[in-house]
Amino acid sequence: MNAKTKKRRVESAVSAEARTARALALKIHGWAERPFREVNSANAIGEYLAANGFNVEFPFKKIPTAVRATWGKGKPAIGLLGEYDALPNCGPEEAEWGHG
């Protein structure tokens, strides 16, 4: 498979998930959960990944809102870290929690 074909396949896969990913991001943004209290956000991410064939461990490493999702075996191995907890004074009003 040449580079153009690979690029098209990736673009197609991303395009197919764009609407769902945006909806998930908007939900997480709306919840604006404080650090280590991101229960709704972590559940939603875990459910999305499980629905897409990932093996989901939740909670992970005794952290109540940590999610670990794996798929396949061998190489390449790709890791991602997502921070989605809210920040103080980033909400719509002064002194409210929100996303930066």
C-alpha atoms as a PDB file:
ATOM      1  CA  MET A   1       0.000   0.000   0.000  1.00  0.00           C
ATOM      2  CA  ASN A   2       1.443   3.364  -0.995  1.00  0.00           C
ATOM      3  CA  ALA A   3       1.469   6.584   1.071  1.00  0.00           C
ATOM      4  CA  LYS A   4      -1.511   8.141  -0.763  1.00  0.00           C
ATOM      5  CA  THR A   5      -3.672   5.097  -0.104  1.00  0.00           C
ATOM      6  CA  LYS A   6      -2.673   5.057   3.556  1.00  0.00           C
ATOM      7  CA  LYS A   7      -3.462   8.759   3.874  1.00  0.00           C
ATOM      8  CA  ARG A   8      -6.899   8.271   2.282  1.00  0.00           C
ATOM      9  CA  ARG A   9      -7.682   5.395   4.636  1.00  0.00           C
ATOM     10  CA  VAL A  10      -6.750   7.479   7.685  1.00  0.00           C
ATOM     11  CA  GLU A  11      -8.758  10.479   6.427  1.00  0.00           C
ATOM     12  CA  SER A  12     -11.749   8.240   5.803  1.00  0.00           C
ATOM     13  CA  ALA A  13     -11.561   6.703   9.284  1.00  0.00           C
ATOM     14  CA  VAL A  14     -11.248  10.118  10.942  1.00  0.00           C
ATOM     15  CA  SER A  15     -14.121  11.498   8.886  1.00  0.00           C
ATOM     16  CA  ALA A  16     -16.346   8.568   9.830  1.00  0.00           C
ATOM     17  CA  GLU A  17     -15.845   9.268  13.561  1.00  0.00           C
ATOM     18  CA  ALA A  18     -15.864  13.090  13.428  1.00  0.00           C
ATOM     19  CA  ARG A  19     -19.522  13.599  14.373  1.00  0.00           C
ATOM     20  CA  THR A  20     -19.383  11.138  17.271  1.00  0.00           C
ATOM     21  CA  ALA A  21     -16.067  12.494  18.548  1.00  0.00           C
ATOM     22  CA  ARG A  22     -17.369  16.064  18.459  1.00  0.00           C
ATOM     23  CA  ALA A  23     -20.505  15.095  20.365  1.00  0.00           C
ATOM     24  CA  LEU A  24     -18.377  13.347  22.994  1.00  0.00           C
ATOM     25  CA  ALA A  25     -16.085  16.378  23.314  1.00  0.00           C
ATOM     26  CA  LEU A  26     -19.077  18.691  23.764  1.00  0.00           C
ATOM     27  CA  LYS A  27     -20.506  16.445  26.491  1.00  0.00           C
ATOM     28  CA  ILE A  28     -17.194  16.451  28.363  1.00  0.00           C
ATOM     29  CA  HIS A  29     -16.937  20.218  27.974  1.00  0.00           C
ATOM     30  CA  GLY A  30     -20.451  20.632  29.353  1.00  0.00           C
ATOM     31  CA  TRP A  31     -19.820  18.489  32.416  1.00  0.00           C
ATOM     32  CA  ALA A  32     -16.690  20.468  33.457  1.00  0.00           C
ATOM     33  CA  GLU A  33     -15.846  17.967  36.192  1.00  0.00           C
ATOM     34  CA  ARG A  34     -13.163  18.762  38.745  1.00  0.00           C
ATOM     35  CA  PRO A  35      -9.899  16.775  38.986  1.00  0.00           C
ATOM     36  CA  PHE A  36     -10.382  13.159  40.117  1.00  0.00           C
ATOM     37  CA  ARG A  37     -14.154  13.657  39.902  1.00  0.00           C
ATOM     38  CA  GLU A  38     -14.519  13.232  36.126  1.00  0.00           C
ATOM     39  CA  VAL A  39     -16.841  10.255  36.518  1.00  0.00           C
ATOM     40  CA  ASN A  40     -19.240  11.153  33.679  1.00  0.00           C
ATOM     41  CA  SER A  41     -16.373  12.023  31.343  1.00  0.00           C
ATOM     42  CA  ALA A  42     -14.379   8.878  32.103  1.00  0.00           C
ATOM     43  CA  ASN A  43     -17.474   6.679  31.719  1.00  0.00           C
ATOM     44  CA  ALA A  44     -18.325   8.272  28.372  1.00  0.00           C
ATOM     45  CA  ILE A  45     -14.788   7.824  27.048  1.00  0.00           C
ATOM     46  CA  GLY A  46     -14.671   4.209  28.258  1.00  0.00           C
ATOM     47  CA  GLU A  47     -18.026   3.430  26.667  1.00  0.00           C
ATOM     48  CA  TYR A  48     -16.975   5.004  23.364  1.00  0.00           C
ATOM     49  CA  LEU A  49     -13.727   3.031  23.267  1.00  0.00           C
ATOM     50  CA  ALA A  50     -15.443  -0.244  24.262  1.00  0.00           C
ATOM     51  CA  ALA A  51     -18.037   0.282  21.523  1.00  0.00           C
ATOM     52  CA  ASN A  52     -15.160   0.601  19.059  1.00  0.00           C
ATOM     53  CA  GLY A  53     -13.503  -2.682  19.987  1.00  0.00           C
ATOM     54  CA  PHE A  54     -11.077  -1.622  22.700  1.00  0.00           C
ATOM     55  CA  ASN A  55     -10.501  -3.650  25.853  1.00  0.00           C
ATOM     56  CA  VAL A  56     -11.280  -1.059  28.547  1.00  0.00           C
ATOM     57  CA  GLU A  57      -9.997  -1.108  32.128  1.00  0.00           C
ATOM     58  CA  PHE A  58     -11.900   1.330  34.291  1.00  0.00           C
ATOM     59  CA  PRO A  59     -10.911   2.408  36.837  1.00  0.00           C
ATOM     60  CA  PHE A  60      -7.215   1.894  36.136  1.00  0.00           C
ATOM     61  CA  LYS A  61      -4.391   1.691  38.688  1.00  0.00           C
ATOM     62  CA  LYS A  62      -6.726   2.513  41.590  1.00  0.00           C
ATOM     63  CA  ILE A  63      -7.427   5.964  40.156  1.00  0.00           C
ATOM     64  CA  PRO A  64     -11.220   6.206  40.102  1.00  0.00           C
ATOM     65  CA  THR A  65     -11.386   8.237  36.895  1.00  0.00           C
ATOM     66  CA  ALA A  66      -8.471   6.726  34.967  1.00  0.00           C
ATOM     67  CA  VAL A  67      -9.233   4.725  31.817  1.00  0.00           C
ATOM     68  CA  ARG A  68      -6.894   2.337  30.045  1.00  0.00           C
ATOM     69  CA  ALA A  69      -7.937   1.028  26.657  1.00  0.00           C
ATOM     70  CA  THR A  70      -5.973  -1.441  24.541  1.00  0.00           C
ATOM     71  CA  TRP A  71      -6.554  -2.900  21.124  1.00  0.00           C
ATOM     72  CA  GLY A  72      -4.545  -5.524  19.290  1.00  0.00           C
ATOM     73  CA  LYS A  73      -1.106  -6.878  20.064  1.00  0.00           C
ATOM     74  CA  GLY A  74       2.447  -6.281  18.968  1.00  0.00           C
ATOM     75  CA  LYS A  75       3.820  -3.240  17.227  1.00  0.00           C
ATOM     76  CA  PRO A  76       3.381  -0.439  16.676  1.00  0.00           C
ATOM     77  CA  ALA A  77       2.376   0.537  20.193  1.00  0.00           C
ATOM     78  CA  ILE A  78       0.773   3.957  20.461  1.00  0.00           C
ATOM     79  CA  GLY A  79      -0.034   5.739  23.694  1.00  0.00           C
ATOM     80  CA  LEU A  80      -2.219   8.767  24.279  1.00  0.00           C
ATOM     81  CA  LEU A  81      -2.821  10.807  27.402  1.00  0.00           C
ATOM     82  CA  GLY A  82      -5.966  12.848  27.729  1.00  0.00           C
ATOM     83  CA  GLU A  83      -6.541  15.464  30.400  1.00  0.00           C
ATOM     84  CA  TYR A  84     -10.166  16.470  30.588  1.00  0.00           C
ATOM     85  CA  ASP A  85     -10.653  17.747  34.104  1.00  0.00           C
ATOM     86  CA  ALA A  86     -11.992  21.258  34.519  1.00  0.00           C
ATOM     87  CA  LEU A  87      -9.975  24.220  35.762  1.00  0.00           C
ATOM     88  CA  PRO A  88     -10.898  26.816  38.380  1.00  0.00           C
ATOM     89  CA  ASN A  89     -11.965  30.243  37.089  1.00  0.00           C
ATOM     90  CA  CYS A  90     -12.419  28.984  33.521  1.00  0.00           C
ATOM     91  CA  GLY A  91     -16.198  28.696  33.618  1.00  0.00           C
ATOM     92  CA  PRO A  92     -18.725  31.057  32.087  1.00  0.00           C
ATOM     93  CA  GLU A  93     -18.846  33.108  35.303  1.00  0.00           C
ATOM     94  CA  GLU A  94     -16.098  34.279  37.647  1.00  0.00           C
ATOM     95  CA  ALA A  95     -15.037  31.582  40.145  1.00  0.00           C
ATOM     96  CA  GLU A  96     -16.765  28.786  38.170  1.00  0.00           C
ATOM     97  CA  TRP A  97     -15.033  25.682  36.925  1.00  0.00           C
ATOM     98  CA  GLY A  98     -14.715  25.106  33.190  1.00  0.00           C
ATOM     99  CA  HIS A  99     -12.379  24.071  30.400  1.00  0.00           C
ATOM    100  CA  GLY A 100      -9.519  26.339  29.320  1.00  0.00           C
END
